[in-house]
Amino acid sequence: MDAPAGAAHEPSPAQEPDRAARLAQARSLLAQATTQSVQKFDAPPRLPTPPKEARLPDESPDPFSNPFEDADPFEPFEQCAPAAAPEPQEDPTYSRSTERQRKAPDANNPRRPQRSLKGRALAYLSRREYSRAELSRKLRPYVQEADSLENTLDSLERDGWLSNERFVESVVHRRAPRMGGSRIINELKRHAVGEALIGETADKLAQTETARAQAVWEKKYGVVPETPAERAKQARFLAARGFSASTVGKILKGGDEDWIDEPSDE
């Protein structure tokens, strides 16, 4: 007689322990796999460590960072803007002028020794000749209570540093080739070199007045004027240089005629 259909699927008593062992083993493997998967996804990814020479220093700024990221939007723009980096200072270039400026003493420095009145006078006289009156005017602003201007000038004259005679000679040497006697005498009178010295110089200039006027006229014109206008023009030029009317008449071959009132075409 055949067995019922449901009886064929029922496990035998011998198979029950084996089935239970396999089920326990499967559950153990499943639990172990689940634990490993959770640990794997929960742990943060580990990035490869860059080489030591490629690592940037901590203090170097990020080239791609925004300088206005931390700024307050309600502050003025000047306060929000990042501080500008200091410009690199160039090496100073030294020259003779800068070295001279660096070594130049301060004029207002009280420790600097003040030049004496005689020292200033010698500094002036080392450049050119001065008359006594002109040097006195130059030194008067520097006179102090302890200084005596007249005594200083007397000392300079005794030692040969100051001389009105040499001053007159220098003026005549510079002016005579280009100017007449009247211009030179007027300049000497302004310097108060003394009437005797002025008279002596005027006599010497009068002896060479015509020759000097001739040289000045030839350098400027060199041709005798043919018309009254040209003659008046040349006469006024010589008169402005300080030559007398008689000397001008001799140069222009016209005597002492009245050429001053003729019209000017200059």
C-alpha atoms as a PDB file:
ATOM      1  CA  MET A   1       0.000   0.000   0.000  1.00  0.00           C
ATOM      2  CA  ASP A   2       1.352   3.376  -0.995  1.00  0.00           C
ATOM      3  CA  ALA A   3       2.359   5.963   1.689  1.00  0.00           C
ATOM      4  CA  PRO A   4       0.527   9.265   1.899  1.00  0.00           C
ATOM      5  CA  ALA A   5       1.934  12.236  -0.117  1.00  0.00           C
ATOM      6  CA  GLY A   6       2.817  14.407   2.897  1.00  0.00           C
ATOM      7  CA  ALA A   7       4.841  11.735   4.535  1.00  0.00           C
ATOM      8  CA  ALA A   8       7.491  11.760   1.838  1.00  0.00           C
ATOM      9  CA  HIS A   9       8.562  15.349   2.678  1.00  0.00           C
ATOM     10  CA  GLU A  10       8.944  14.994   6.393  1.00  0.00           C
ATOM     11  CA  PRO A  11      12.615  14.737   7.508  1.00  0.00           C
ATOM     12  CA  SER A  12      13.792  11.747   9.198  1.00  0.00           C
ATOM     13  CA  PRO A  13      14.949  11.945  12.802  1.00  0.00           C
ATOM     14  CA  ALA A  14      18.536  11.338  11.682  1.00  0.00           C
ATOM     15  CA  GLN A  15      18.544  14.434   9.474  1.00  0.00           C
ATOM     16  CA  GLU A  16      17.318  16.913  12.137  1.00  0.00           C
ATOM     17  CA  PRO A  17      20.708  17.586  13.871  1.00  0.00           C
ATOM     18  CA  ASP A  18      22.523  18.022  10.572  1.00  0.00           C
ATOM     19  CA  ARG A  19      19.997  20.550   9.354  1.00  0.00           C
ATOM     20  CA  ALA A  20      20.161  22.532  12.561  1.00  0.00           C
ATOM     21  CA  ALA A  21      23.993  22.709  12.401  1.00  0.00           C
ATOM     22  CA  ARG A  22      23.955  23.994   8.866  1.00  0.00           C
ATOM     23  CA  LEU A  23      21.360  26.623   9.746  1.00  0.00           C
ATOM     24  CA  ALA A  24      23.458  27.866  12.687  1.00  0.00           C
ATOM     25  CA  GLN A  25      26.576  28.020  10.520  1.00  0.00           C
ATOM     26  CA  ALA A  26      24.737  30.049   7.857  1.00  0.00           C
ATOM     27  CA  ARG A  27      23.448  32.497  10.452  1.00  0.00           C
ATOM     28  CA  SER A  28      26.972  32.938  11.838  1.00  0.00           C
ATOM     29  CA  LEU A  29      28.444  33.662   8.423  1.00  0.00           C
ATOM     30  CA  LEU A  30      25.660  36.145   7.686  1.00  0.00           C
ATOM     31  CA  ALA A  31      26.216  37.995  10.954  1.00  0.00           C
ATOM     32  CA  GLN A  32      29.989  38.166  10.361  1.00  0.00           C
ATOM     33  CA  ALA A  33      29.523  39.542   6.836  1.00  0.00           C
ATOM     34  CA  THR A  34      27.054  42.148   8.043  1.00  0.00           C
ATOM     35  CA  THR A  35      29.461  43.370  10.770  1.00  0.00           C
ATOM     36  CA  GLN A  36      32.342  43.741   8.314  1.00  0.00           C
ATOM     37  CA  SER A  37      30.165  45.699   5.849  1.00  0.00           C
ATOM     38  CA  VAL A  38      29.017  48.159   8.535  1.00  0.00           C
ATOM     39  CA  GLN A  39      32.603  48.807   9.718  1.00  0.00           C
ATOM     40  CA  LYS A  40      33.755  49.281   6.159  1.00  0.00           C
ATOM     41  CA  PHE A  41      31.187  51.953   5.306  1.00  0.00           C
ATOM     42  CA  ASP A  42      31.326  53.736   8.650  1.00  0.00           C
ATOM     43  CA  ALA A  43      35.113  54.348   8.632  1.00  0.00           C
ATOM     44  CA  PRO A  44      36.287  57.574   6.812  1.00  0.00           C
ATOM     45  CA  PRO A  45      38.274  57.047   3.658  1.00  0.00           C
ATOM     46  CA  ARG A  46      42.008  57.259   4.088  1.00  0.00           C
ATOM     47  CA  LEU A  47      43.726  59.439   1.534  1.00  0.00           C
ATOM     48  CA  PRO A  48      47.297  58.774   0.449  1.00  0.00           C
ATOM     49  CA  THR A  49      49.800  60.935   2.274  1.00  0.00           C
ATOM     50  CA  PRO A  50      51.610  63.306  -0.113  1.00  0.00           C
ATOM     51  CA  PRO A  51      55.401  63.252  -0.163  1.00  0.00           C
ATOM     52  CA  LYS A  52      57.131  65.494   2.338  1.00  0.00           C
ATOM     53  CA  GLU A  53      58.703  67.819  -0.246  1.00  0.00           C
ATOM     54  CA  ALA A  54      55.337  68.433  -1.956  1.00  0.00           C
ATOM     55  CA  ARG A  55      53.540  69.513   1.252  1.00  0.00           C
ATOM     56  CA  LEU A  56      52.899  73.281   1.484  1.00  0.00           C
ATOM     57  CA  PRO A  57      53.844  75.128   4.666  1.00  0.00           C
ATOM     58  CA  ASP A  58      50.988  75.975   6.990  1.00  0.00           C
ATOM     59  CA  GLU A  59      51.696  79.700   6.943  1.00  0.00           C
ATOM     60  CA  SER A  60      51.523  80.066   3.137  1.00  0.00           C
ATOM     61  CA  PRO A  61      48.215  81.609   1.998  1.00  0.00           C
ATOM     62  CA  ASP A  62      45.852  79.629  -0.158  1.00  0.00           C
ATOM     63  CA  PRO A  63      46.126  81.107  -3.691  1.00  0.00           C
ATOM     64  CA  PHE A  64      42.482  80.214  -4.386  1.00  0.00           C
ATOM     65  CA  SER A  65      41.009  81.539  -1.158  1.00  0.00           C
ATOM     66  CA  ASN A  66      38.661  84.515  -1.219  1.00  0.00           C
ATOM     67  CA  PRO A  67      40.162  87.504   0.700  1.00  0.00           C
ATOM     68  CA  PHE A  68      36.671  88.885   1.369  1.00  0.00           C
ATOM     69  CA  GLU A  69      35.248  85.611   2.727  1.00  0.00           C
ATOM     70  CA  ASP A  70      35.509  86.622   6.412  1.00  0.00           C
ATOM     71  CA  ALA A  71      34.707  90.306   5.880  1.00  0.00           C
ATOM     72  CA  ASP A  72      31.719  91.977   7.464  1.00  0.00           C
ATOM     73  CA  PRO A  73      29.273  93.056   4.693  1.00  0.00           C
ATOM     74  CA  PHE A  74      28.257  96.127   6.743  1.00  0.00           C
ATOM     75  CA  GLU A  75      31.812  97.493   7.109  1.00  0.00           C
ATOM     76  CA  PRO A  76      33.264 100.052   4.672  1.00  0.00           C
ATOM     77  CA  PHE A  77      35.178  98.680   1.739  1.00  0.00           C
ATOM     78  CA  GLU A  78      38.497 100.031   3.030  1.00  0.00           C
ATOM     79  CA  GLN A  79      38.110  98.000   6.230  1.00  0.00           C
ATOM     80  CA  CYS A  80      37.000  94.870   4.401  1.00  0.00           C
ATOM     81  CA  ALA A  81      39.850  94.940   1.922  1.00  0.00           C
ATOM     82  CA  PRO A  82      42.829  92.826   2.914  1.00  0.00           C
ATOM     83  CA  ALA A  83      45.989  94.588   3.928  1.00  0.00           C
ATOM     84  CA  ALA A  84      48.302  95.073   1.006  1.00  0.00           C
ATOM     85  CA  ALA A  85      51.585  93.296   1.152  1.00  0.00           C
ATOM     86  CA  PRO A  86      54.541  95.646   1.763  1.00  0.00           C
ATOM     87  CA  GLU A  87      56.428  96.520  -1.358  1.00  0.00           C
ATOM     88  CA  PRO A  88      59.965  95.195  -1.471  1.00  0.00           C
ATOM     89  CA  GLN A  89      62.436  97.934  -0.845  1.00  0.00           C
ATOM     90  CA  GLU A  90      65.104  98.339  -3.416  1.00  0.00           C
ATOM     91  CA  ASP A  91      68.708  98.544  -2.434  1.00  0.00           C
ATOM     92  CA  PRO A  92      69.708 102.204  -2.092  1.00  0.00           C
ATOM     93  CA  THR A  93      71.951 103.525  -4.814  1.00  0.00           C
ATOM     94  CA  TYR A  94      74.740 105.713  -3.532  1.00  0.00           C
ATOM     95  CA  SER A  95      76.401 108.434  -5.568  1.00  0.00           C
ATOM     96  CA  ARG A  96      78.611 111.409  -4.875  1.00  0.00           C
ATOM     97  CA  SER A  97      75.616 113.736  -4.545  1.00  0.00           C
ATOM     98  CA  THR A  98      73.812 111.491  -2.069  1.00  0.00           C
ATOM     99  CA  GLU A  99      77.007 110.942  -0.109  1.00  0.00           C
ATOM    100  CA  ARG A 100      77.524 114.699   0.009  1.00  0.00           C
ATOM    101  CA  GLN A 101      73.956 115.224   1.209  1.00  0.00           C
ATOM    102  CA  ARG A 102      74.349 112.539   3.850  1.00  0.00           C
ATOM    103  CA  LYS A 103      77.562 114.072   5.160  1.00  0.00           C
ATOM    104  CA  ALA A 104      76.331 117.680   4.977  1.00  0.00           C
ATOM    105  CA  PRO A 105      76.124 119.080   8.518  1.00  0.00           C
ATOM    106  CA  ASP A 106      72.929 120.568   9.788  1.00  0.00           C
ATOM    107  CA  ALA A 107      73.000 124.344   9.690  1.00  0.00           C
ATOM    108  CA  ASN A 108      70.700 124.551  12.707  1.00  0.00           C
ATOM    109  CA  ASN A 109      72.758 122.174  14.772  1.00  0.00           C
ATOM    110  CA  PRO A 110      73.965 124.081  17.845  1.00  0.00           C
ATOM    111  CA  ARG A 111      76.984 121.793  18.099  1.00  0.00           C
ATOM    112  CA  ARG A 112      78.287 122.942  14.731  1.00  0.00           C
ATOM    113  CA  PRO A 113      81.031 125.550  15.226  1.00  0.00           C
ATOM    114  CA  GLN A 114      79.996 128.950  13.902  1.00  0.00           C
ATOM    115  CA  ARG A 115      82.308 130.634  11.416  1.00  0.00           C
ATOM    116  CA  SER A 116      83.962 133.756  12.715  1.00  0.00           C
ATOM    117  CA  LEU A 117      83.481 137.132  11.085  1.00  0.00           C
ATOM    118  CA  LYS A 118      87.036 137.108   9.755  1.00  0.00           C
ATOM    119  CA  GLY A 119      86.556 133.600   8.411  1.00  0.00           C
ATOM    120  CA  ARG A 120      83.526 134.733   6.431  1.00  0.00           C
ATOM    121  CA  ALA A 121      85.441 137.711   5.099  1.00  0.00           C
ATOM    122  CA  LEU A 122      88.313 135.520   3.941  1.00  0.00           C
ATOM    123  CA  ALA A 123      85.834 133.198   2.237  1.00  0.00           C
ATOM    124  CA  TYR A 124      84.445 136.130   0.247  1.00  0.00           C
ATOM    125  CA  LEU A 125      87.872 137.496  -0.627  1.00  0.00           C
ATOM    126  CA  SER A 126      89.082 134.113  -1.823  1.00  0.00           C
ATOM    127  CA  ARG A 127      86.548 134.290  -4.678  1.00  0.00           C
ATOM    128  CA  ARG A 128      87.185 137.807  -5.976  1.00  0.00           C
ATOM    129  CA  GLU A 129      88.303 141.291  -4.951  1.00  0.00           C
ATOM    130  CA  TYR A 130      85.978 143.378  -2.765  1.00  0.00           C
ATOM    131  CA  SER A 131      86.028 147.020  -1.831  1.00  0.00           C
ATOM    132  CA  ARG A 132      85.936 147.833   1.849  1.00  0.00           C
ATOM    133  CA  ALA A 133      82.423 149.273   1.619  1.00  0.00           C
ATOM    134  CA  GLU A 134      81.074 146.263  -0.296  1.00  0.00           C
ATOM    135  CA  LEU A 135      82.627 143.739   2.098  1.00  0.00           C
ATOM    136  CA  SER A 136      81.239 145.693   5.044  1.00  0.00           C
ATOM    137  CA  ARG A 137      77.721 145.361   3.630  1.00  0.00           C
ATOM    138  CA  LYS A 138      78.209 141.622   3.137  1.00  0.00           C
ATOM    139  CA  LEU A 139      79.438 141.045   6.698  1.00  0.00           C
ATOM    140  CA  ARG A 140      77.015 143.295   8.572  1.00  0.00           C
ATOM    141  CA  PRO A 141      74.232 140.642   8.931  1.00  0.00           C
ATOM    142  CA  TYR A 142      76.720 138.332  10.723  1.00  0.00           C
ATOM    143  CA  VAL A 143      78.071 140.837  13.214  1.00  0.00           C
ATOM    144  CA  GLN A 144      77.574 139.809  16.848  1.00  0.00           C
ATOM    145  CA  GLU A 145      78.032 141.805  19.997  1.00  0.00           C
ATOM    146  CA  ALA A 146      81.523 140.433  20.590  1.00  0.00           C
ATOM    147  CA  ASP A 147      82.613 141.221  17.016  1.00  0.00           C
ATOM    148  CA  SER A 148      83.898 144.540  15.785  1.00  0.00           C
ATOM    149  CA  LEU A 149      83.364 144.966  12.046  1.00  0.00           C
ATOM    150  CA  GLU A 150      85.701 147.916  11.598  1.00  0.00           C
ATOM    151  CA  ASN A 151      88.516 146.225  13.522  1.00  0.00           C
ATOM    152  CA  THR A 152      88.109 143.124  11.347  1.00  0.00           C
ATOM    153  CA  LEU A 153      88.292 145.194   8.158  1.00  0.00           C
ATOM    154  CA  ASP A 154      91.362 147.057   9.434  1.00  0.00           C
ATOM    155  CA  SER A 155      93.054 143.749  10.213  1.00  0.00           C
ATOM    156  CA  LEU A 156      92.291 142.448   6.710  1.00  0.00           C
ATOM    157  CA  GLU A 157      93.760 145.591   5.151  1.00  0.00           C
ATOM    158  CA  ARG A 158      96.921 145.377   7.272  1.00  0.00           C
ATOM    159  CA  ASP A 159      97.424 141.749   6.292  1.00  0.00           C
ATOM    160  CA  GLY A 160      96.921 142.523   2.581  1.00  0.00           C
ATOM    161  CA  TRP A 161      93.694 140.564   2.148  1.00  0.00           C
ATOM    162  CA  LEU A 162      91.543 143.644   1.528  1.00  0.00           C
ATOM    163  CA  SER A 163      92.595 146.446  -0.821  1.00  0.00           C
ATOM    164  CA  ASN A 164      90.596 149.160  -2.602  1.00  0.00           C
ATOM    165  CA  GLU A 165      93.422 149.590  -5.088  1.00  0.00           C
ATOM    166  CA  ARG A 166      93.258 145.976  -6.187  1.00  0.00           C
ATOM    167  CA  PHE A 167      89.492 146.199  -6.399  1.00  0.00           C
ATOM    168  CA  VAL A 168      89.750 149.216  -8.745  1.00  0.00           C
ATOM    169  CA  GLU A 169      92.273 147.394 -10.906  1.00  0.00           C
ATOM    170  CA  SER A 170      90.000 144.376 -11.190  1.00  0.00           C
ATOM    171  CA  VAL A 171      87.017 146.543 -12.175  1.00  0.00           C
ATOM    172  CA  VAL A 172      89.020 148.406 -14.807  1.00  0.00           C
ATOM    173  CA  HIS A 173      90.410 145.152 -16.169  1.00  0.00           C
ATOM    174  CA  ARG A 174      86.910 143.674 -16.552  1.00  0.00           C
ATOM    175  CA  ARG A 175      85.044 146.769 -17.764  1.00  0.00           C
ATOM    176  CA  ALA A 176      87.507 148.814 -19.846  1.00  0.00           C
ATOM    177  CA  PRO A 177      87.529 146.606 -22.985  1.00  0.00           C
ATOM    178  CA  ARG A 178      83.732 146.992 -23.302  1.00  0.00           C
ATOM    179  CA  MET A 179      82.762 150.247 -21.547  1.00  0.00           C
ATOM    180  CA  GLY A 180      83.645 153.904 -21.503  1.00  0.00           C
ATOM    181  CA  GLY A 181      85.141 155.873 -18.656  1.00  0.00           C
ATOM    182  CA  SER A 182      81.859 157.293 -17.329  1.00  0.00           C
ATOM    183  CA  ARG A 183      80.315 153.855 -16.746  1.00  0.00           C
ATOM    184  CA  ILE A 184      83.418 152.632 -14.919  1.00  0.00           C
ATOM    185  CA  ILE A 185      83.721 155.763 -12.776  1.00  0.00           C
ATOM    186  CA  ASN A 186      80.077 155.540 -11.731  1.00  0.00           C
ATOM    187  CA  GLU A 187      80.584 151.949 -10.617  1.00  0.00           C
ATOM    188  CA  LEU A 188      83.615 152.902  -8.546  1.00  0.00           C
ATOM    189  CA  LYS A 189      81.646 155.716  -6.887  1.00  0.00           C
ATOM    190  CA  ARG A 190      78.950 153.250  -5.817  1.00  0.00           C
ATOM    191  CA  HIS A 191      81.640 151.174  -4.086  1.00  0.00           C
ATOM    192  CA  ALA A 192      83.048 154.250  -2.276  1.00  0.00           C
ATOM    193  CA  VAL A 193      86.695 153.562  -3.006  1.00  0.00           C
ATOM    194  CA  GLY A 194      87.714 157.186  -2.345  1.00  0.00           C
ATOM    195  CA  GLU A 195      87.832 160.380  -4.397  1.00  0.00           C
ATOM    196  CA  ALA A 196      91.588 160.299  -4.875  1.00  0.00           C
ATOM    197  CA  LEU A 197      91.545 156.786  -6.281  1.00  0.00           C
ATOM    198  CA  ILE A 198      88.584 157.599  -8.510  1.00  0.00           C
ATOM    199  CA  GLY A 199      90.253 160.717  -9.926  1.00  0.00           C
ATOM    200  CA  GLU A 200      93.456 158.837 -10.668  1.00  0.00           C
ATOM    201  CA  THR A 201      91.523 156.095 -12.438  1.00  0.00           C
ATOM    202  CA  ALA A 202      89.528 158.621 -14.489  1.00  0.00           C
ATOM    203  CA  ASP A 203      92.737 160.192 -15.798  1.00  0.00           C
ATOM    204  CA  LYS A 204      94.094 156.825 -16.887  1.00  0.00           C
ATOM    205  CA  LEU A 205      90.860 155.893 -18.630  1.00  0.00           C
ATOM    206  CA  ALA A 206      90.731 159.200 -20.490  1.00  0.00           C
ATOM    207  CA  GLN A 207      94.093 158.448 -22.102  1.00  0.00           C
ATOM    208  CA  THR A 208      92.773 155.283 -23.724  1.00  0.00           C
ATOM    209  CA  GLU A 209      89.142 156.348 -24.252  1.00  0.00           C
ATOM    210  CA  THR A 210      89.341 156.821 -28.026  1.00  0.00           C
ATOM    211  CA  ALA A 211      91.217 153.589 -28.683  1.00  0.00           C
ATOM    212  CA  ARG A 212      88.786 151.565 -26.587  1.00  0.00           C
ATOM    213  CA  ALA A 213      85.755 153.167 -28.252  1.00  0.00           C
ATOM    214  CA  GLN A 214      87.227 152.414 -31.672  1.00  0.00           C
ATOM    215  CA  ALA A 215      87.669 148.734 -30.777  1.00  0.00           C
ATOM    216  CA  VAL A 216      84.097 148.467 -29.462  1.00  0.00           C
ATOM    217  CA  TRP A 217      82.648 150.210 -32.565  1.00  0.00           C
ATOM    218  CA  GLU A 218      84.597 148.041 -35.008  1.00  0.00           C
ATOM    219  CA  LYS A 219      83.471 144.858 -33.271  1.00  0.00           C
ATOM    220  CA  LYS A 220      79.814 145.935 -33.432  1.00  0.00           C
ATOM    221  CA  TYR A 221      79.587 147.800 -36.773  1.00  0.00           C
ATOM    222  CA  GLY A 222      82.925 148.449 -38.514  1.00  0.00           C
ATOM    223  CA  VAL A 223      81.312 150.567 -41.293  1.00  0.00           C
ATOM    224  CA  VAL A 224      80.975 154.353 -41.218  1.00  0.00           C
ATOM    225  CA  PRO A 225      77.267 155.330 -41.236  1.00  0.00           C
ATOM    226  CA  GLU A 226      75.998 156.833 -44.496  1.00  0.00           C
ATOM    227  CA  THR A 227      72.675 158.193 -43.289  1.00  0.00           C
ATOM    228  CA  PRO A 228      71.762 160.309 -40.242  1.00  0.00           C
ATOM    229  CA  ALA A 229      69.602 157.486 -38.888  1.00  0.00           C
ATOM    230  CA  GLU A 230      72.460 155.010 -39.019  1.00  0.00           C
ATOM    231  CA  ARG A 231      74.800 157.517 -37.461  1.00  0.00           C
ATOM    232  CA  ALA A 232      72.369 158.199 -34.615  1.00  0.00           C
ATOM    233  CA  LYS A 233      71.956 154.492 -34.003  1.00  0.00           C
ATOM    234  CA  GLN A 234      75.703 153.883 -33.723  1.00  0.00           C
ATOM    235  CA  ALA A 235      76.172 156.980 -31.586  1.00  0.00           C
ATOM    236  CA  ARG A 236      73.535 155.873 -29.119  1.00  0.00           C
ATOM    237  CA  PHE A 237      75.188 152.462 -28.869  1.00  0.00           C
ATOM    238  CA  LEU A 238      78.555 153.998 -27.952  1.00  0.00           C
ATOM    239  CA  ALA A 239      76.966 156.459 -25.532  1.00  0.00           C
ATOM    240  CA  ALA A 240      75.134 153.626 -23.752  1.00  0.00           C
ATOM    241  CA  ARG A 241      78.477 151.932 -23.252  1.00  0.00           C
ATOM    242  CA  GLY A 242      79.727 155.007 -21.381  1.00  0.00           C
ATOM    243  CA  PHE A 243      81.819 156.798 -24.006  1.00  0.00           C
ATOM    244  CA  SER A 244      81.737 160.592 -24.101  1.00  0.00           C
ATOM    245  CA  ALA A 245      80.156 162.635 -26.897  1.00  0.00           C
ATOM    246  CA  SER A 246      83.525 163.917 -28.119  1.00  0.00           C
ATOM    247  CA  THR A 247      84.850 160.370 -28.364  1.00  0.00           C
ATOM    248  CA  VAL A 248      81.736 159.232 -30.250  1.00  0.00           C
ATOM    249  CA  GLY A 249      82.132 162.145 -32.708  1.00  0.00           C
ATOM    250  CA  LYS A 250      85.740 161.183 -33.419  1.00  0.00           C
ATOM    251  CA  ILE A 251      84.797 157.572 -34.093  1.00  0.00           C
ATOM    252  CA  LEU A 252      81.895 158.439 -36.408  1.00  0.00           C
ATOM    253  CA  LYS A 253      83.832 161.230 -38.257  1.00  0.00           C
ATOM    254  CA  GLY A 254      81.154 163.786 -37.508  1.00  0.00           C
ATOM    255  CA  GLY A 255      82.579 166.003 -34.819  1.00  0.00           C
ATOM    256  CA  ASP A 256      80.544 167.036 -31.798  1.00  0.00           C
ATOM    257  CA  GLU A 257      77.196 167.421 -33.538  1.00  0.00           C
ATOM    258  CA  ASP A 258      73.861 167.055 -31.747  1.00  0.00           C
ATOM    259  CA  TRP A 259      73.033 163.400 -32.505  1.00  0.00           C
ATOM    260  CA  ILE A 260      71.261 162.564 -29.243  1.00  0.00           C
ATOM    261  CA  ASP A 261      67.911 164.144 -30.261  1.00  0.00           C
ATOM    262  CA  GLU A 262      67.669 162.315 -33.591  1.00  0.00           C
ATOM    263  CA  PRO A 263      64.828 159.743 -33.824  1.00  0.00           C
ATOM    264  CA  SER A 264      65.603 156.192 -32.866  1.00  0.00           C
ATOM    265  CA  ASP A 265      64.907 153.338 -35.293  1.00  0.00           C
ATOM    266  CA  GLU A 266      65.740 150.526 -32.867  1.00  0.00           C
END
